[in-house]
Amino acid sequence: MPTRLRGFIAFFVIACAAPAACAQTGGTLIPIPYRTYIGINPLGVPFDVGSAELESAIAPGITLGGLASYTDVDDDRWLTFDAKVRYYPGEVVLRGFSIGLSAGSLRYSTLGSDSLGIQSRRVLNAPTVGVIADYNWMLGTERRFVVGTGLGAKRILASQEARDRVDISRAYLTARFIVGLAF
């Protein structure tokens, strides 16, 4: 296993395991009962849109997480894996508004025709970087049930020629809807 990959894995494990003891708000300490959540997009059941997320506090107001998603619309398919870092300005992790950055990989494919009119699936594999703005609600008597929404934009780090081959622009918008459980 390459040293760089081992370093990234070690950093991710340590960051997800590091507890965030509390957040500062107005000079008082607020205990945070839950620092991690796991969630899924329930729209994957009726539609071809699915995702799974894991997010955990690494410092007051800051989380590190991961996302895997699959979307199939018409003849276009997106498969993404992302690492995300989020900042919650209220400094209570997992709850309320957050803004962040993402970095990951995209596998995009679409149907296209060659010069003879024969259809085939064209594929682009490329890294991505993005910005995200999300909002989470903590619901239920124990405030463990997470409902999250959000919007973002990703930049595809591929050459113009590679993007032209599959007819995709250099950036695209993303949307987020998850339900999950905090622990």
Protein backbone atom coordinates (compact mmCIF):
# COMPACT_ATOMS: atom_id res chain seq x y z
CA MET A 1 0.00 0.00 0.00
CA PRO A 2 1.48 3.38 -0.98
CA THR A 3 2.70 5.57 1.90
CA ARG A 4 0.48 8.48 0.86
CA LEU A 5 -2.65 6.26 0.95
CA ARG A 6 -1.66 4.85 4.37
CA GLY A 7 -1.18 8.39 5.65
CA PHE A 8 -4.61 9.46 4.38
CA ILE A 9 -6.30 6.42 5.94
CA ALA A 10 -4.53 7.00 9.28
CA PHE A 11 -5.53 10.69 9.24
CA PHE A 12 -9.16 9.83 8.43
CA VAL A 13 -9.40 7.20 11.20
CA ILE A 14 -7.82 9.48 13.82
CA ALA A 15 -9.95 12.44 12.76
CA CYS A 16 -13.19 10.45 12.94
CA ALA A 17 -12.26 9.00 16.33
CA ALA A 18 -11.22 12.33 17.90
CA PRO A 19 -13.98 13.52 20.22
CA ALA A 20 -15.29 17.07 20.19
CA ALA A 21 -15.97 17.65 23.88
CA CYS A 22 -18.16 20.70 23.56
CA ALA A 23 -18.88 23.84 21.58
CA GLN A 24 -18.59 27.45 22.68
CA THR A 25 -21.64 29.63 22.32
CA GLY A 26 -21.91 33.00 24.02
CA GLY A 27 -19.12 32.13 26.46
CA THR A 28 -20.85 29.03 27.86
CA LEU A 29 -20.04 25.41 27.16
CA ILE A 30 -22.79 23.35 25.52
CA PRO A 31 -22.36 19.58 25.74
CA ILE A 32 -22.83 17.80 22.42
CA PRO A 33 -24.51 14.44 23.00
CA TYR A 34 -23.93 13.08 19.50
CA ARG A 35 -20.82 13.59 17.39
CA THR A 36 -21.33 11.15 14.52
CA TYR A 37 -24.14 10.22 12.18
CA ILE A 38 -24.75 7.78 9.39
CA GLY A 39 -27.43 8.54 6.83
CA ILE A 40 -28.91 7.42 3.53
CA ASN A 41 -30.96 9.01 0.80
CA PRO A 42 -34.37 7.27 0.93
CA LEU A 43 -35.14 8.40 -2.64
CA GLY A 44 -32.99 5.47 -3.76
CA VAL A 45 -35.95 3.19 -3.11
CA PRO A 46 -38.43 4.65 -5.67
CA PHE A 47 -35.88 6.37 -7.94
CA ASP A 48 -32.37 5.68 -9.20
CA VAL A 49 -30.87 8.25 -6.83
CA GLY A 50 -29.05 6.88 -3.80
CA SER A 51 -26.39 7.97 -1.37
CA ALA A 52 -24.87 7.10 1.99
CA GLU A 53 -23.01 9.49 4.31
CA LEU A 54 -20.90 9.25 7.43
CA GLU A 55 -19.89 12.37 9.35
CA SER A 56 -18.05 12.78 12.64
CA ALA A 57 -16.85 15.71 14.75
CA ILE A 58 -13.11 16.40 14.83
CA ALA A 59 -13.21 19.76 16.68
CA PRO A 60 -15.88 22.15 17.98
CA GLY A 61 -17.99 23.07 14.97
CA ILE A 62 -15.91 21.02 12.49
CA THR A 63 -16.67 17.60 11.03
CA LEU A 64 -15.02 15.22 8.62
CA GLY A 65 -17.05 12.78 6.59
CA GLY A 66 -17.46 10.65 3.55
CA LEU A 67 -20.13 10.15 0.90
CA ALA A 68 -20.88 7.56 -1.75
CA SER A 69 -23.64 8.25 -4.27
CA TYR A 70 -25.16 6.85 -7.44
CA THR A 71 -27.56 8.68 -9.77
CA ASP A 72 -29.10 7.37 -13.00
CA VAL A 73 -31.13 9.90 -15.00
CA ASP A 74 -32.12 9.07 -18.58
CA ASP A 75 -28.91 7.73 -20.13
CA ASP A 76 -26.53 9.54 -17.74
CA ARG A 77 -24.99 7.83 -14.69
CA TRP A 78 -22.95 9.46 -11.91
CA LEU A 79 -21.04 7.40 -9.34
CA THR A 80 -19.17 9.52 -6.78
CA PHE A 81 -17.04 9.03 -3.69
CA ASP A 82 -16.17 12.15 -1.67
CA ALA A 83 -14.39 13.18 1.51
CA LYS A 84 -15.97 16.26 3.09
CA VAL A 85 -15.02 18.76 5.75
CA ARG A 86 -17.78 20.96 7.16
CA TYR A 87 -17.87 23.95 9.47
CA TYR A 88 -20.97 24.66 11.56
CA PRO A 89 -20.94 28.41 12.43
CA GLY A 90 -23.14 27.72 15.48
CA GLU A 91 -20.27 25.45 16.61
CA VAL A 92 -22.66 22.62 17.49
CA VAL A 93 -21.77 19.80 15.14
CA LEU A 94 -24.38 17.94 13.08
CA ARG A 95 -27.09 20.56 13.77
CA GLY A 96 -28.10 23.58 11.73
CA PHE A 97 -26.32 25.31 8.86
CA SER A 98 -22.89 24.21 7.65
CA ILE A 99 -20.57 25.13 4.84
CA GLY A 100 -17.73 23.02 3.56
CA LEU A 101 -15.45 21.58 0.93
CA SER A 102 -15.36 18.21 -0.78
CA ALA A 103 -12.79 16.26 -2.73
CA GLY A 104 -13.39 12.96 -4.44
CA SER A 105 -13.78 11.00 -7.60
CA LEU A 106 -16.45 10.82 -10.28
CA ARG A 107 -17.30 8.05 -12.70
CA TYR A 108 -19.68 9.54 -15.27
CA SER A 109 -21.08 7.60 -18.22
CA THR A 110 -23.53 8.37 -20.97
CA LEU A 111 -24.78 6.77 -24.17
CA GLY A 112 -23.33 8.15 -27.35
CA SER A 113 -23.16 7.24 -31.04
CA ASP A 114 -20.03 6.84 -33.10
CA SER A 115 -19.63 7.97 -36.72
CA LEU A 116 -21.48 4.83 -37.92
CA GLY A 117 -24.43 5.50 -35.61
CA ILE A 118 -23.61 2.62 -33.26
CA GLN A 119 -24.50 3.44 -29.67
CA SER A 120 -22.07 2.69 -26.87
CA ARG A 121 -21.51 3.84 -23.30
CA ARG A 122 -18.83 6.53 -22.99
CA VAL A 123 -17.09 6.86 -19.62
CA LEU A 124 -15.17 9.59 -17.80
CA ASN A 125 -13.26 8.89 -14.58
CA ALA A 126 -11.95 12.06 -12.94
CA PRO A 127 -11.21 13.69 -9.59
CA THR A 128 -13.51 16.44 -8.34
CA VAL A 129 -13.43 19.32 -5.85
CA GLY A 130 -16.47 21.14 -4.60
CA VAL A 131 -18.20 23.50 -2.20
CA ILE A 132 -21.25 22.56 -0.14
CA ALA A 133 -23.88 24.35 1.93
CA ASP A 134 -26.08 22.11 4.07
CA TYR A 135 -28.68 22.23 6.83
CA ASN A 136 -29.39 19.42 9.31
CA TRP A 137 -32.33 19.05 11.66
CA MET A 138 -31.97 16.86 14.77
CA LEU A 139 -35.43 15.46 15.50
CA GLY A 140 -37.10 13.16 18.02
CA THR A 141 -37.20 13.15 21.81
CA GLU A 142 -33.49 12.31 22.03
CA ARG A 143 -32.58 14.50 19.02
CA ARG A 144 -30.90 11.53 17.31
CA PHE A 145 -32.86 11.40 14.05
CA VAL A 146 -31.07 13.49 11.40
CA VAL A 147 -32.77 15.01 8.36
CA GLY A 148 -30.35 16.83 6.09
CA THR A 149 -30.62 18.87 2.91
CA GLY A 150 -28.15 20.88 0.92
CA LEU A 151 -26.79 22.22 -2.31
CA GLY A 152 -23.32 22.22 -3.76
CA ALA A 153 -21.23 22.55 -6.87
CA LYS A 154 -18.39 20.33 -8.07
CA ARG A 155 -15.57 21.03 -10.48
CA ILE A 156 -14.47 18.11 -12.67
CA LEU A 157 -10.67 18.02 -12.85
CA ALA A 158 -10.39 16.60 -16.37
CA SER A 159 -9.19 18.05 -19.63
CA GLN A 160 -11.58 19.77 -22.02
CA GLU A 161 -10.98 16.95 -24.52
CA ALA A 162 -11.92 14.26 -21.96
CA ARG A 163 -15.06 16.16 -20.95
CA ASP A 164 -16.05 16.77 -24.60
CA ARG A 165 -15.82 13.02 -25.26
CA VAL A 166 -18.75 12.45 -22.85
CA ASP A 167 -20.37 15.87 -23.35
CA ILE A 168 -20.19 17.11 -19.75
CA SER A 169 -19.33 20.61 -18.58
CA ARG A 170 -16.47 21.43 -16.23
CA ALA A 171 -18.79 21.92 -13.23
CA TYR A 172 -22.15 20.61 -12.10
CA LEU A 173 -24.63 21.23 -9.28
CA THR A 174 -25.37 18.72 -6.54
CA ALA A 175 -28.30 18.29 -4.17
CA ARG A 176 -28.43 16.48 -0.84
CA PHE A 177 -31.28 14.80 1.04
CA ILE A 178 -30.54 12.29 3.78
CA VAL A 179 -32.15 10.72 6.79
CA GLY A 180 -30.04 9.07 9.42
CA LEU A 181 -29.20 8.33 13.01
CA ALA A 182 -26.72 10.18 15.23
CA PHE A 183 -24.68 8.35 17.85
